[in-house]
Amino acid sequence: MSTSLANTSSLALTIVKRPDDSAGFTVLPRRWCVERTLAWLIRRRGLVRDYERLPVTSEVMVMWSMTVLVGRRLARLRPPSPG
């Protein structure tokens, strides 16, 4: 996330750490949301490899991919027009 966006928005970042006494698989809260979102992003062909030189370019690619994803979902939910 660019510094300008982080400074102007009221986002709170919470880091979920694994318990020290756990061994093996442990379900962590809300981690599945991050993993699911990353999987959606990787499905976009332009984000499979990182060829960009500037971080801003990568940020724009992620924003564009999520815009396309949300746009397609909203188009599916729209009721058919009469006619």
N, C-alpha and C. Protein backbone atom coordinates (compact mmCIF):
# COMPACT_ATOMS: atom_id res chain seq x y z
N MET A 1 0.85 -1.16 0.00
CA MET A 1 0.00 0.00 0.00
C MET A 1 0.90 1.23 0.00
N SER A 2 0.59 2.17 -0.82
CA SER A 2 1.41 3.37 -0.88
C SER A 2 1.24 4.19 0.39
N THR A 3 2.25 4.99 0.69
CA THR A 3 2.22 5.78 1.92
C THR A 3 1.11 6.82 1.87
N SER A 4 0.81 7.36 0.69
CA SER A 4 -0.25 8.35 0.62
C SER A 4 -1.60 7.75 0.97
N LEU A 5 -1.86 6.54 0.52
CA LEU A 5 -3.12 5.87 0.84
C LEU A 5 -3.17 5.50 2.33
N ALA A 6 -2.06 5.04 2.86
CA ALA A 6 -2.02 4.67 4.27
C ALA A 6 -2.21 5.88 5.17
N ASN A 7 -1.73 7.02 4.75
CA ASN A 7 -1.86 8.23 5.57
C ASN A 7 -3.25 8.82 5.51
N THR A 8 -3.95 8.66 4.39
CA THR A 8 -5.26 9.28 4.24
C THR A 8 -6.42 8.38 4.65
N SER A 9 -6.19 7.10 4.78
CA SER A 9 -7.27 6.19 5.16
C SER A 9 -7.13 5.82 6.64
N SER A 10 -8.20 5.30 7.16
CA SER A 10 -8.19 4.90 8.57
C SER A 10 -8.17 3.38 8.67
N LEU A 11 -7.14 2.78 8.12
CA LEU A 11 -7.00 1.33 8.15
C LEU A 11 -6.25 0.91 9.41
N ALA A 12 -6.68 -0.17 9.99
CA ALA A 12 -6.00 -0.73 11.15
C ALA A 12 -5.45 -2.09 10.77
N LEU A 13 -4.18 -2.30 10.99
CA LEU A 13 -3.52 -3.55 10.64
C LEU A 13 -3.35 -4.37 11.91
N THR A 14 -3.86 -5.60 11.87
CA THR A 14 -3.72 -6.51 13.00
C THR A 14 -2.92 -7.72 12.54
N ILE A 15 -1.82 -7.97 13.18
CA ILE A 15 -0.98 -9.11 12.83
C ILE A 15 -1.38 -10.27 13.73
N VAL A 16 -1.78 -11.38 13.10
CA VAL A 16 -2.18 -12.56 13.85
C VAL A 16 -0.98 -13.49 13.90
N LYS A 17 -0.48 -13.71 15.10
CA LYS A 17 0.68 -14.58 15.29
C LYS A 17 0.25 -15.94 15.79
N ARG A 18 1.04 -16.89 15.45
CA ARG A 18 0.82 -18.26 15.91
C ARG A 18 1.16 -18.37 17.37
N PRO A 19 0.38 -19.08 18.16
CA PRO A 19 0.72 -19.27 19.58
C PRO A 19 2.05 -20.00 19.72
N ASP A 20 2.84 -19.61 20.70
CA ASP A 20 4.17 -20.22 20.89
C ASP A 20 4.09 -21.68 21.32
N ASP A 21 3.04 -22.03 22.05
CA ASP A 21 2.94 -23.40 22.56
C ASP A 21 2.25 -24.36 21.61
N SER A 22 1.89 -23.93 20.42
CA SER A 22 1.18 -24.81 19.49
C SER A 22 2.16 -25.61 18.65
N ALA A 23 1.76 -26.84 18.36
CA ALA A 23 2.55 -27.72 17.51
C ALA A 23 1.63 -28.24 16.41
N GLY A 24 2.09 -28.25 15.19
CA GLY A 24 1.28 -28.72 14.08
C GLY A 24 0.34 -27.65 13.56
N PHE A 25 -0.75 -28.10 12.98
CA PHE A 25 -1.70 -27.19 12.36
C PHE A 25 -2.55 -26.48 13.41
N THR A 26 -2.67 -25.17 13.28
CA THR A 26 -3.51 -24.37 14.16
C THR A 26 -4.32 -23.40 13.31
N VAL A 27 -5.62 -23.36 13.52
CA VAL A 27 -6.47 -22.43 12.77
C VAL A 27 -6.27 -21.04 13.35
N LEU A 28 -5.92 -20.10 12.48
CA LEU A 28 -5.71 -18.72 12.90
C LEU A 28 -6.91 -17.89 12.45
N PRO A 29 -7.38 -16.98 13.28
CA PRO A 29 -8.56 -16.20 12.92
C PRO A 29 -8.31 -15.30 11.71
N ARG A 30 -9.28 -15.29 10.80
CA ARG A 30 -9.32 -14.42 9.63
C ARG A 30 -8.20 -14.67 8.61
N ARG A 31 -7.36 -15.64 8.82
CA ARG A 31 -6.29 -15.90 7.87
C ARG A 31 -6.85 -16.40 6.55
N TRP A 32 -7.96 -17.11 6.59
CA TRP A 32 -8.55 -17.65 5.37
C TRP A 32 -8.97 -16.52 4.43
N CYS A 33 -9.35 -15.37 4.97
CA CYS A 33 -9.72 -14.23 4.11
C CYS A 33 -8.54 -13.76 3.28
N VAL A 34 -7.39 -13.70 3.91
CA VAL A 34 -6.18 -13.26 3.21
C VAL A 34 -5.80 -14.28 2.15
N GLU A 35 -5.80 -15.55 2.52
CA GLU A 35 -5.42 -16.59 1.57
C GLU A 35 -6.38 -16.66 0.40
N ARG A 36 -7.68 -16.50 0.63
CA ARG A 36 -8.67 -16.51 -0.44
C ARG A 36 -8.46 -15.33 -1.38
N THR A 37 -8.21 -14.15 -0.81
CA THR A 37 -8.00 -12.97 -1.63
C THR A 37 -6.75 -13.10 -2.48
N LEU A 38 -5.68 -13.63 -1.90
CA LEU A 38 -4.46 -13.84 -2.67
C LEU A 38 -4.69 -14.85 -3.79
N ALA A 39 -5.49 -15.86 -3.55
CA ALA A 39 -5.80 -16.84 -4.60
C ALA A 39 -6.57 -16.17 -5.74
N TRP A 40 -7.52 -15.28 -5.40
CA TRP A 40 -8.25 -14.56 -6.44
C TRP A 40 -7.30 -13.69 -7.26
N LEU A 41 -6.35 -13.06 -6.60
CA LEU A 41 -5.41 -12.19 -7.32
C LEU A 41 -4.49 -12.99 -8.23
N ILE A 42 -4.04 -14.14 -7.77
CA ILE A 42 -3.13 -14.95 -8.56
C ILE A 42 -3.81 -15.50 -9.81
N ARG A 43 -5.14 -15.64 -9.79
CA ARG A 43 -5.86 -16.11 -10.97
C ARG A 43 -5.74 -15.13 -12.14
N ARG A 44 -5.48 -13.87 -11.84
CA ARG A 44 -5.27 -12.87 -12.88
C ARG A 44 -3.89 -13.09 -13.49
N ARG A 45 -3.83 -13.20 -14.79
CA ARG A 45 -2.60 -13.58 -15.46
C ARG A 45 -1.46 -12.58 -15.23
N GLY A 46 -1.78 -11.30 -15.17
CA GLY A 46 -0.74 -10.28 -15.01
C GLY A 46 -0.08 -10.27 -13.65
N LEU A 47 -0.67 -10.93 -12.68
CA LEU A 47 -0.11 -10.93 -11.34
C LEU A 47 0.61 -12.21 -10.97
N VAL A 48 0.69 -13.15 -11.90
CA VAL A 48 1.35 -14.42 -11.60
C VAL A 48 2.84 -14.20 -11.39
N ARG A 49 3.44 -13.36 -12.20
CA ARG A 49 4.86 -13.03 -12.07
C ARG A 49 5.00 -11.54 -11.80
N ASP A 50 6.03 -11.18 -11.08
CA ASP A 50 6.25 -9.78 -10.75
C ASP A 50 7.35 -9.23 -11.65
N TYR A 51 6.94 -8.62 -12.77
CA TYR A 51 7.90 -8.07 -13.71
C TYR A 51 8.06 -6.56 -13.56
N GLU A 52 7.26 -5.94 -12.73
CA GLU A 52 7.28 -4.49 -12.61
C GLU A 52 8.52 -4.05 -11.84
N ARG A 53 9.01 -2.87 -12.18
CA ARG A 53 10.18 -2.34 -11.50
C ARG A 53 9.79 -1.47 -10.31
N LEU A 54 8.65 -0.82 -10.40
CA LEU A 54 8.22 0.09 -9.34
C LEU A 54 7.10 -0.53 -8.52
N PRO A 55 7.11 -0.36 -7.21
CA PRO A 55 6.04 -0.89 -6.37
C PRO A 55 4.68 -0.29 -6.71
N VAL A 56 4.67 0.94 -7.19
CA VAL A 56 3.41 1.59 -7.54
C VAL A 56 2.73 0.84 -8.68
N THR A 57 3.51 0.34 -9.62
CA THR A 57 2.94 -0.41 -10.73
C THR A 57 2.27 -1.69 -10.24
N SER A 58 2.92 -2.38 -9.31
CA SER A 58 2.33 -3.59 -8.74
C SER A 58 1.04 -3.26 -7.99
N GLU A 59 1.05 -2.15 -7.27
CA GLU A 59 -0.14 -1.73 -6.53
C GLU A 59 -1.30 -1.45 -7.47
N VAL A 60 -1.02 -0.81 -8.58
CA VAL A 60 -2.08 -0.51 -9.56
C VAL A 60 -2.60 -1.79 -10.18
N MET A 61 -1.72 -2.76 -10.45
CA MET A 61 -2.16 -4.03 -11.01
C MET A 61 -3.10 -4.76 -10.04
N VAL A 62 -2.80 -4.72 -8.75
CA VAL A 62 -3.66 -5.36 -7.75
C VAL A 62 -5.00 -4.64 -7.69
N MET A 63 -4.97 -3.31 -7.69
CA MET A 63 -6.23 -2.54 -7.65
C MET A 63 -7.07 -2.81 -8.89
N TRP A 64 -6.44 -2.87 -10.04
CA TRP A 64 -7.19 -3.13 -11.28
C TRP A 64 -7.79 -4.54 -11.25
N SER A 65 -7.03 -5.51 -10.79
CA SER A 65 -7.53 -6.88 -10.72
C SER A 65 -8.74 -6.99 -9.80
N MET A 66 -8.67 -6.34 -8.65
CA MET A 66 -9.81 -6.38 -7.72
C MET A 66 -11.00 -5.62 -8.28
N THR A 67 -10.75 -4.54 -9.03
CA THR A 67 -11.84 -3.80 -9.68
C THR A 67 -12.56 -4.68 -10.69
N VAL A 68 -11.81 -5.41 -11.49
CA VAL A 68 -12.41 -6.31 -12.48
C VAL A 68 -13.20 -7.41 -11.77
N LEU A 69 -12.63 -7.98 -10.71
CA LEU A 69 -13.29 -9.04 -9.96
C LEU A 69 -14.62 -8.57 -9.37
N VAL A 70 -14.60 -7.43 -8.69
CA VAL A 70 -15.82 -6.90 -8.08
C VAL A 70 -16.82 -6.49 -9.15
N GLY A 71 -16.35 -5.90 -10.24
CA GLY A 71 -17.25 -5.51 -11.33
C GLY A 71 -17.98 -6.69 -11.93
N ARG A 72 -17.28 -7.79 -12.13
CA ARG A 72 -17.93 -8.99 -12.67
C ARG A 72 -18.96 -9.56 -11.71
N ARG A 73 -18.65 -9.53 -10.43
CA ARG A 73 -19.61 -10.03 -9.44
C ARG A 73 -20.84 -9.15 -9.36
N LEU A 74 -20.65 -7.85 -9.43
CA LEU A 74 -21.80 -6.94 -9.40
C LEU A 74 -22.65 -7.10 -10.65
N ALA A 75 -22.03 -7.34 -11.79
CA ALA A 75 -22.78 -7.53 -13.03
C ALA A 75 -23.62 -8.80 -12.96
N ARG A 76 -23.13 -9.82 -12.29
CA ARG A 76 -23.91 -11.06 -12.14
C ARG A 76 -25.12 -10.86 -11.26
N LEU A 77 -25.02 -9.97 -10.27
CA LEU A 77 -26.10 -9.77 -9.32
C LEU A 77 -27.18 -8.84 -9.83
N ARG A 78 -26.92 -8.12 -10.91
CA ARG A 78 -27.88 -7.16 -11.43
C ARG A 78 -29.09 -7.90 -12.03
N PRO A 79 -30.30 -7.48 -11.67
CA PRO A 79 -31.48 -8.14 -12.23
C PRO A 79 -31.60 -7.84 -13.71
N PRO A 80 -32.18 -8.77 -14.47
CA PRO A 80 -32.32 -8.54 -15.91
C PRO A 80 -33.22 -7.34 -16.20
N SER A 81 -32.88 -6.61 -17.24
CA SER A 81 -33.68 -5.43 -17.59
C SER A 81 -34.93 -5.88 -18.34
N PRO A 82 -36.05 -5.18 -18.12
CA PRO A 82 -37.29 -5.54 -18.81
C PRO A 82 -37.19 -5.23 -20.29
N GLY A 83 -37.75 -6.08 -21.08
CA GLY A 83 -37.75 -5.74 -22.50
C GLY A 83 -37.61 -6.84 -23.40
